[in-house]
């Protein structure tokens, strides 16, 4: 697993845990940076992802809700929701990551961490976000 893949997974862990425990993600992130526990120190890219997703959360959620075709955010598995938020942030707001890589990484993580249907769903929704990227960012 590459460094950025590990960082995405750690960011996913923070976003997922914060949502499940009803905690502020930025506070949880600060806790993980200050006291990483049994894991290695949280990579900077993990922090960048969490902060970026939270900074743009309302817009990201609006886009996911709009283009998910009959799937509300609440209906999505929590892991998928976090992965879609990360993927959308990387596609739209992080120029350091090629769009295809952002989608592929989200799909691979969904394959190993979520339901059997998740990879197709994540791929399709992030593909739609990518297709509409010029319009979304206009």
N, C-alpha and C. Protein backbone atom coordinates (compact mmCIF):
# COMPACT_ATOMS: atom_id res chain seq x y z
N UNK A 1 0.85 -1.17 0.00
CA UNK A 1 0.00 0.00 0.00
C UNK A 1 0.89 1.24 0.00
N UNK A 2 0.67 2.13 -0.96
CA UNK A 2 1.47 3.34 -1.07
C UNK A 2 1.18 4.34 0.03
N UNK A 3 2.05 5.32 0.15
CA UNK A 3 1.93 6.31 1.22
C UNK A 3 0.63 7.10 1.14
N UNK A 4 0.25 7.51 -0.07
CA UNK A 4 -1.00 8.27 -0.22
C UNK A 4 -2.22 7.38 0.04
N UNK A 5 -2.13 6.12 -0.35
CA UNK A 5 -3.23 5.19 -0.08
C UNK A 5 -3.42 5.02 1.42
N UNK A 6 -2.31 4.86 2.14
CA UNK A 6 -2.37 4.75 3.60
C UNK A 6 -2.94 6.03 4.20
N UNK A 7 -2.54 7.17 3.67
CA UNK A 7 -3.03 8.45 4.18
C UNK A 7 -4.54 8.57 3.95
N UNK A 8 -5.01 8.14 2.79
CA UNK A 8 -6.45 8.17 2.52
C UNK A 8 -7.19 7.27 3.51
N UNK A 9 -6.65 6.09 3.75
CA UNK A 9 -7.28 5.16 4.68
C UNK A 9 -7.35 5.76 6.08
N UNK A 10 -6.29 6.41 6.50
CA UNK A 10 -6.27 7.03 7.83
C UNK A 10 -7.26 8.21 7.89
N UNK A 11 -7.36 8.98 6.81
CA UNK A 11 -8.35 10.06 6.76
C UNK A 11 -9.76 9.48 6.82
N UNK A 12 -9.98 8.40 6.09
CA UNK A 12 -11.27 7.70 6.13
C UNK A 12 -11.59 7.28 7.56
N UNK A 13 -10.61 6.73 8.25
CA UNK A 13 -10.80 6.30 9.64
C UNK A 13 -11.27 7.46 10.52
N UNK A 14 -10.65 8.62 10.35
CA UNK A 14 -11.01 9.79 11.15
C UNK A 14 -12.42 10.25 10.82
N UNK A 15 -12.72 10.39 9.53
CA UNK A 15 -14.06 10.86 9.13
C UNK A 15 -15.15 9.89 9.56
N UNK A 16 -14.89 8.60 9.39
CA UNK A 16 -15.86 7.58 9.77
C UNK A 16 -16.08 7.58 11.28
N UNK A 17 -14.99 7.56 12.04
CA UNK A 17 -15.11 7.54 13.50
C UNK A 17 -15.83 8.77 14.02
N UNK A 18 -15.49 9.93 13.47
CA UNK A 18 -16.14 11.17 13.93
C UNK A 18 -17.64 11.10 13.70
N UNK A 19 -18.03 10.61 12.53
CA UNK A 19 -19.46 10.53 12.24
C UNK A 19 -20.15 9.51 13.15
N UNK A 20 -19.55 8.35 13.33
CA UNK A 20 -20.17 7.30 14.13
C UNK A 20 -20.27 7.69 15.61
N UNK A 21 -19.29 8.42 16.08
CA UNK A 21 -19.27 8.79 17.50
C UNK A 21 -19.83 10.19 17.75
N UNK A 22 -20.33 10.84 16.67
CA UNK A 22 -20.90 12.18 16.76
C UNK A 22 -19.90 13.18 17.36
N UNK A 23 -18.67 13.11 16.83
CA UNK A 23 -17.61 14.01 17.25
C UNK A 23 -17.28 14.99 16.14
N UNK A 24 -16.71 16.10 16.51
CA UNK A 24 -16.23 17.05 15.52
C UNK A 24 -14.99 16.46 14.84
N UNK A 25 -15.00 16.33 13.52
CA UNK A 25 -13.85 15.70 12.83
C UNK A 25 -12.53 16.43 13.05
N UNK A 26 -12.57 17.74 13.13
CA UNK A 26 -11.34 18.51 13.30
C UNK A 26 -10.77 18.29 14.70
N UNK A 27 -11.63 18.20 15.70
CA UNK A 27 -11.18 17.90 17.06
C UNK A 27 -10.59 16.50 17.12
N UNK A 28 -11.27 15.54 16.51
CA UNK A 28 -10.76 14.17 16.49
C UNK A 28 -9.43 14.11 15.75
N UNK A 29 -9.33 14.83 14.65
CA UNK A 29 -8.07 14.90 13.90
C UNK A 29 -6.95 15.43 14.79
N UNK A 30 -7.22 16.49 15.50
CA UNK A 30 -6.21 17.07 16.40
C UNK A 30 -5.79 16.05 17.47
N UNK A 31 -6.76 15.31 17.98
CA UNK A 31 -6.45 14.26 18.97
C UNK A 31 -5.56 13.19 18.36
N UNK A 32 -5.85 12.78 17.12
CA UNK A 32 -5.06 11.73 16.46
C UNK A 32 -3.64 12.21 16.13
N UNK A 33 -3.52 13.49 15.84
CA UNK A 33 -2.19 14.05 15.57
C UNK A 33 -1.40 14.12 16.88
N UNK A 34 -2.05 14.57 17.95
CA UNK A 34 -1.38 14.71 19.24
C UNK A 34 -1.04 13.36 19.86
N UNK A 35 -1.97 12.41 19.75
CA UNK A 35 -1.77 11.09 20.34
C UNK A 35 -2.20 10.02 19.35
N UNK A 36 -1.28 9.57 18.49
CA UNK A 36 -1.65 8.60 17.46
C UNK A 36 -2.00 7.22 18.00
N UNK A 37 -1.78 6.97 19.26
CA UNK A 37 -2.11 5.66 19.84
C UNK A 37 -1.13 4.60 19.35
N UNK A 38 -1.66 3.44 18.99
CA UNK A 38 -0.80 2.33 18.59
C UNK A 38 -0.33 2.44 17.15
N UNK A 39 -0.95 3.34 16.39
CA UNK A 39 -0.56 3.50 14.98
C UNK A 39 0.56 4.52 14.85
N UNK A 40 1.17 4.51 13.68
CA UNK A 40 2.20 5.51 13.39
C UNK A 40 1.56 6.89 13.35
N UNK A 41 2.39 7.91 13.39
CA UNK A 41 1.89 9.27 13.34
C UNK A 41 1.01 9.46 12.10
N UNK A 42 -0.02 10.26 12.25
CA UNK A 42 -0.95 10.52 11.16
C UNK A 42 -0.23 11.29 10.05
N UNK A 43 -0.26 10.77 8.83
CA UNK A 43 0.42 11.48 7.73
C UNK A 43 -0.19 12.86 7.48
N UNK A 44 0.63 13.78 7.03
CA UNK A 44 0.14 15.13 6.75
C UNK A 44 -0.98 15.10 5.71
N UNK A 45 -0.85 14.21 4.73
CA UNK A 45 -1.89 14.16 3.70
C UNK A 45 -3.24 13.73 4.30
N UNK A 46 -3.24 12.90 5.32
CA UNK A 46 -4.49 12.55 6.01
C UNK A 46 -5.14 13.79 6.60
N UNK A 47 -4.33 14.60 7.26
CA UNK A 47 -4.84 15.84 7.84
C UNK A 47 -5.36 16.77 6.74
N UNK A 48 -4.62 16.86 5.63
CA UNK A 48 -5.06 17.71 4.51
C UNK A 48 -6.42 17.26 4.00
N UNK A 49 -6.60 15.95 3.88
CA UNK A 49 -7.89 15.42 3.40
C UNK A 49 -9.01 15.77 4.36
N UNK A 50 -8.83 15.45 5.63
CA UNK A 50 -9.89 15.70 6.61
C UNK A 50 -10.23 17.19 6.64
N UNK A 51 -9.24 18.04 6.71
CA UNK A 51 -9.48 19.48 6.75
C UNK A 51 -10.15 19.96 5.46
N UNK A 52 -9.70 19.45 4.32
CA UNK A 52 -10.28 19.84 3.04
C UNK A 52 -11.73 19.41 2.91
N UNK A 53 -12.02 18.17 3.31
CA UNK A 53 -13.40 17.67 3.25
C UNK A 53 -14.29 18.50 4.17
N UNK A 54 -13.85 18.76 5.37
CA UNK A 54 -14.67 19.51 6.32
C UNK A 54 -14.87 20.96 5.85
N UNK A 55 -13.83 21.57 5.29
CA UNK A 55 -13.95 22.94 4.77
C UNK A 55 -15.00 23.04 3.67
N UNK A 56 -15.15 21.99 2.88
CA UNK A 56 -16.07 22.00 1.74
C UNK A 56 -17.25 21.04 1.91
N UNK A 57 -17.51 20.61 3.14
CA UNK A 57 -18.49 19.55 3.38
C UNK A 57 -19.88 19.87 2.85
N UNK A 58 -20.36 21.08 3.07
CA UNK A 58 -21.71 21.41 2.60
C UNK A 58 -21.81 21.29 1.08
N UNK A 59 -20.82 21.79 0.37
CA UNK A 59 -20.83 21.72 -1.10
C UNK A 59 -20.67 20.27 -1.56
N UNK A 60 -19.77 19.54 -0.95
CA UNK A 60 -19.55 18.14 -1.32
C UNK A 60 -20.83 17.34 -1.10
N UNK A 61 -21.45 17.50 0.05
CA UNK A 61 -22.68 16.75 0.34
C UNK A 61 -23.81 17.14 -0.60
N UNK A 62 -23.89 18.40 -0.94
CA UNK A 62 -24.91 18.85 -1.90
C UNK A 62 -24.72 18.16 -3.25
N UNK A 63 -23.48 18.08 -3.71
CA UNK A 63 -23.19 17.42 -4.98
C UNK A 63 -23.49 15.92 -4.92
N UNK A 64 -23.08 15.27 -3.86
CA UNK A 64 -23.34 13.84 -3.72
C UNK A 64 -24.84 13.57 -3.67
N UNK A 65 -25.56 14.37 -2.94
CA UNK A 65 -27.01 14.22 -2.83
C UNK A 65 -27.67 14.45 -4.19
N UNK A 66 -27.20 15.43 -4.93
CA UNK A 66 -27.79 15.77 -6.22
C UNK A 66 -27.58 14.69 -7.26
N UNK A 67 -26.39 14.11 -7.30
CA UNK A 67 -26.04 13.20 -8.39
C UNK A 67 -26.07 11.71 -8.02
N UNK A 68 -26.54 11.39 -6.84
CA UNK A 68 -26.56 9.98 -6.43
C UNK A 68 -27.83 9.24 -6.83
N UNK A 69 -28.72 9.88 -7.55
CA UNK A 69 -29.92 9.24 -8.10
C UNK A 69 -30.65 8.35 -7.10
N UNK A 70 -31.54 8.98 -6.36
CA UNK A 70 -32.42 8.29 -5.44
C UNK A 70 -31.72 7.70 -4.21
N UNK A 71 -30.50 8.11 -3.95
CA UNK A 71 -29.79 7.68 -2.74
C UNK A 71 -29.49 8.92 -1.91
N UNK A 72 -30.17 9.05 -0.79
CA UNK A 72 -29.83 10.16 0.10
C UNK A 72 -28.52 9.81 0.81
N UNK A 73 -27.86 10.80 1.33
CA UNK A 73 -26.61 10.55 2.07
C UNK A 73 -26.86 9.62 3.25
N UNK A 74 -27.98 9.78 3.92
CA UNK A 74 -28.29 8.95 5.08
C UNK A 74 -28.49 7.48 4.70
N UNK A 75 -28.90 7.23 3.49
CA UNK A 75 -29.15 5.86 3.03
C UNK A 75 -27.85 5.13 2.64
N UNK A 76 -26.84 5.89 2.32
CA UNK A 76 -25.56 5.29 1.90
C UNK A 76 -24.85 4.66 3.10
N UNK A 77 -24.13 3.55 2.88
CA UNK A 77 -23.28 3.04 3.96
C UNK A 77 -22.30 4.13 4.41
N UNK A 78 -22.05 4.20 5.70
CA UNK A 78 -21.19 5.26 6.24
C UNK A 78 -19.79 5.26 5.62
N UNK A 79 -19.24 4.09 5.35
CA UNK A 79 -17.92 4.02 4.72
C UNK A 79 -17.98 4.63 3.32
N UNK A 80 -19.02 4.29 2.56
CA UNK A 80 -19.16 4.85 1.21
C UNK A 80 -19.29 6.36 1.27
N UNK A 81 -20.07 6.85 2.20
CA UNK A 81 -20.27 8.29 2.34
C UNK A 81 -18.93 8.99 2.58
N UNK A 82 -18.12 8.44 3.48
CA UNK A 82 -16.81 9.04 3.77
C UNK A 82 -15.89 8.95 2.55
N UNK A 83 -15.89 7.80 1.88
CA UNK A 83 -15.05 7.64 0.68
C UNK A 83 -15.49 8.59 -0.44
N UNK A 84 -16.78 8.75 -0.62
CA UNK A 84 -17.28 9.66 -1.64
C UNK A 84 -16.92 11.11 -1.32
N UNK A 85 -16.95 11.45 -0.07
CA UNK A 85 -16.53 12.81 0.33
C UNK A 85 -15.06 13.03 0.03
N UNK A 86 -14.24 12.04 0.37
CA UNK A 86 -12.80 12.16 0.09
C UNK A 86 -12.56 12.23 -1.42
N UNK A 87 -13.18 11.32 -2.16
CA UNK A 87 -12.99 11.31 -3.62
C UNK A 87 -13.45 12.59 -4.28
N UNK A 88 -14.59 13.09 -3.85
CA UNK A 88 -15.10 14.35 -4.42
C UNK A 88 -14.16 15.50 -4.11
N UNK A 89 -13.67 15.56 -2.88
CA UNK A 89 -12.72 16.62 -2.53
C UNK A 89 -11.46 16.52 -3.39
N UNK A 90 -10.93 15.31 -3.55
CA UNK A 90 -9.72 15.15 -4.36
C UNK A 90 -9.96 15.52 -5.82
N UNK A 91 -11.10 15.15 -6.37
CA UNK A 91 -11.39 15.46 -7.78
C UNK A 91 -11.57 16.95 -7.98
N UNK A 92 -12.33 17.59 -7.12
CA UNK A 92 -12.69 19.00 -7.35
C UNK A 92 -11.74 20.01 -6.74
N UNK A 93 -11.12 19.68 -5.63
CA UNK A 93 -10.41 20.71 -4.88
C UNK A 93 -8.94 20.42 -4.61
N UNK A 94 -8.42 19.31 -5.11
CA UNK A 94 -7.02 18.98 -4.88
C UNK A 94 -6.35 18.70 -6.22
N UNK A 95 -5.63 19.67 -6.72
CA UNK A 95 -4.98 19.53 -8.02
C UNK A 95 -3.75 18.64 -7.99
N UNK A 96 -3.30 18.24 -6.81
CA UNK A 96 -2.10 17.39 -6.71
C UNK A 96 -2.37 15.92 -7.05
N UNK A 97 -3.63 15.54 -7.09
CA UNK A 97 -4.00 14.14 -7.34
C UNK A 97 -4.73 14.06 -8.68
N UNK A 98 -4.24 13.23 -9.61
CA UNK A 98 -4.98 13.04 -10.86
C UNK A 98 -6.38 12.50 -10.57
N UNK A 99 -7.35 12.96 -11.31
CA UNK A 99 -8.74 12.58 -11.06
C UNK A 99 -8.93 11.06 -11.11
N UNK A 100 -8.31 10.42 -12.10
CA UNK A 100 -8.46 8.97 -12.22
C UNK A 100 -7.91 8.23 -11.00
N UNK A 101 -6.85 8.76 -10.43
CA UNK A 101 -6.26 8.15 -9.23
C UNK A 101 -7.22 8.31 -8.06
N UNK A 102 -7.82 9.48 -7.92
CA UNK A 102 -8.77 9.71 -6.83
C UNK A 102 -9.93 8.72 -6.90
N UNK A 103 -10.45 8.51 -8.10
CA UNK A 103 -11.56 7.56 -8.27
C UNK A 103 -11.10 6.14 -7.99
N UNK A 104 -9.97 5.75 -8.56
CA UNK A 104 -9.47 4.39 -8.38
C UNK A 104 -9.20 4.08 -6.91
N UNK A 105 -8.62 5.01 -6.20
CA UNK A 105 -8.32 4.80 -4.78
C UNK A 105 -9.61 4.63 -3.97
N UNK A 106 -10.61 5.46 -4.26
CA UNK A 106 -11.89 5.35 -3.55
C UNK A 106 -12.56 4.01 -3.85
N UNK A 107 -12.52 3.59 -5.10
CA UNK A 107 -13.12 2.32 -5.48
C UNK A 107 -12.40 1.16 -4.78
N UNK A 108 -11.08 1.19 -4.77
CA UNK A 108 -10.32 0.11 -4.13
C UNK A 108 -10.58 0.04 -2.63
N UNK A 109 -10.64 1.19 -1.98
CA UNK A 109 -10.95 1.17 -0.55
C UNK A 109 -12.37 0.67 -0.30
N UNK A 110 -13.31 1.03 -1.16
CA UNK A 110 -14.67 0.55 -0.99
C UNK A 110 -14.74 -0.96 -1.21
N UNK A 111 -13.92 -1.46 -2.11
CA UNK A 111 -13.89 -2.90 -2.38
C UNK A 111 -13.44 -3.68 -1.13
N UNK A 112 -12.48 -3.12 -0.41
CA UNK A 112 -11.95 -3.84 0.75
C UNK A 112 -12.68 -3.52 2.06
N UNK A 113 -13.42 -2.42 2.10
CA UNK A 113 -13.99 -1.99 3.38
C UNK A 113 -15.52 -1.92 3.43
N UNK A 114 -16.18 -2.05 2.29
CA UNK A 114 -17.62 -1.83 2.30
C UNK A 114 -18.36 -3.00 1.66
N UNK A 115 -19.54 -2.75 1.15
CA UNK A 115 -20.40 -3.81 0.63
C UNK A 115 -19.97 -4.25 -0.77
N UNK A 116 -20.52 -5.35 -1.22
CA UNK A 116 -20.21 -5.86 -2.56
C UNK A 116 -20.64 -4.90 -3.66
N UNK A 117 -21.71 -4.14 -3.41
CA UNK A 117 -22.21 -3.19 -4.41
C UNK A 117 -21.49 -1.85 -4.38
N UNK A 118 -20.72 -1.61 -3.34
CA UNK A 118 -20.10 -0.30 -3.15
C UNK A 118 -19.13 0.12 -4.25
N UNK A 119 -18.24 -0.75 -4.73
CA UNK A 119 -17.30 -0.30 -5.76
C UNK A 119 -17.98 0.26 -7.01
N UNK A 120 -19.05 -0.38 -7.46
CA UNK A 120 -19.76 0.10 -8.64
C UNK A 120 -20.43 1.44 -8.34
N UNK A 121 -21.06 1.54 -7.16
CA UNK A 121 -21.72 2.78 -6.77
C UNK A 121 -20.73 3.93 -6.66
N UNK A 122 -19.63 3.70 -5.95
CA UNK A 122 -18.60 4.73 -5.76
C UNK A 122 -18.01 5.15 -7.11
N UNK A 123 -17.69 4.19 -7.95
CA UNK A 123 -17.14 4.48 -9.26
C UNK A 123 -18.11 5.31 -10.10
N UNK A 124 -19.36 4.91 -10.10
CA UNK A 124 -20.36 5.62 -10.90
C UNK A 124 -20.59 7.04 -10.44
N UNK A 125 -20.71 7.23 -9.14
CA UNK A 125 -20.98 8.58 -8.62
C UNK A 125 -19.77 9.50 -8.78
N UNK A 126 -18.59 9.00 -8.48
CA UNK A 126 -17.39 9.83 -8.67
C UNK A 126 -17.14 10.08 -10.16
N UNK A 127 -17.46 9.11 -11.01
CA UNK A 127 -17.35 9.33 -12.45
C UNK A 127 -18.26 10.44 -12.92
N UNK A 128 -19.46 10.49 -12.35
CA UNK A 128 -20.40 11.56 -12.70
C UNK A 128 -19.88 12.92 -12.21
N UNK A 129 -19.33 12.96 -11.02
CA UNK A 129 -18.75 14.20 -10.50
C UNK A 129 -17.62 14.67 -11.43
N UNK A 130 -16.78 13.73 -11.85
CA UNK A 130 -15.69 14.08 -12.76
C UNK A 130 -16.22 14.60 -14.08
N UNK A 131 -17.23 13.94 -14.61
CA UNK A 131 -17.83 14.37 -15.88
C UNK A 131 -18.36 15.79 -15.80
N UNK A 132 -18.90 16.15 -14.66
CA UNK A 132 -19.49 17.48 -14.47
C UNK A 132 -18.54 18.50 -13.87
N UNK A 133 -17.30 18.10 -13.63
CA UNK A 133 -16.32 18.96 -12.97
C UNK A 133 -16.22 20.36 -13.60
N UNK A 134 -16.12 20.48 -14.93
CA UNK A 134 -16.01 21.83 -15.49
C UNK A 134 -17.22 22.71 -15.15
N UNK A 135 -18.39 22.12 -15.14
CA UNK A 135 -19.61 22.87 -14.83
C UNK A 135 -19.67 23.20 -13.33
N UNK A 136 -19.31 22.23 -12.51
CA UNK A 136 -19.35 22.41 -11.06
C UNK A 136 -18.41 23.53 -10.62
N UNK A 137 -17.23 23.57 -11.23
CA UNK A 137 -16.22 24.55 -10.82
C UNK A 137 -16.36 25.89 -11.54
N UNK A 138 -17.28 25.99 -12.49
CA UNK A 138 -17.44 27.22 -13.27
C UNK A 138 -18.00 28.34 -12.43
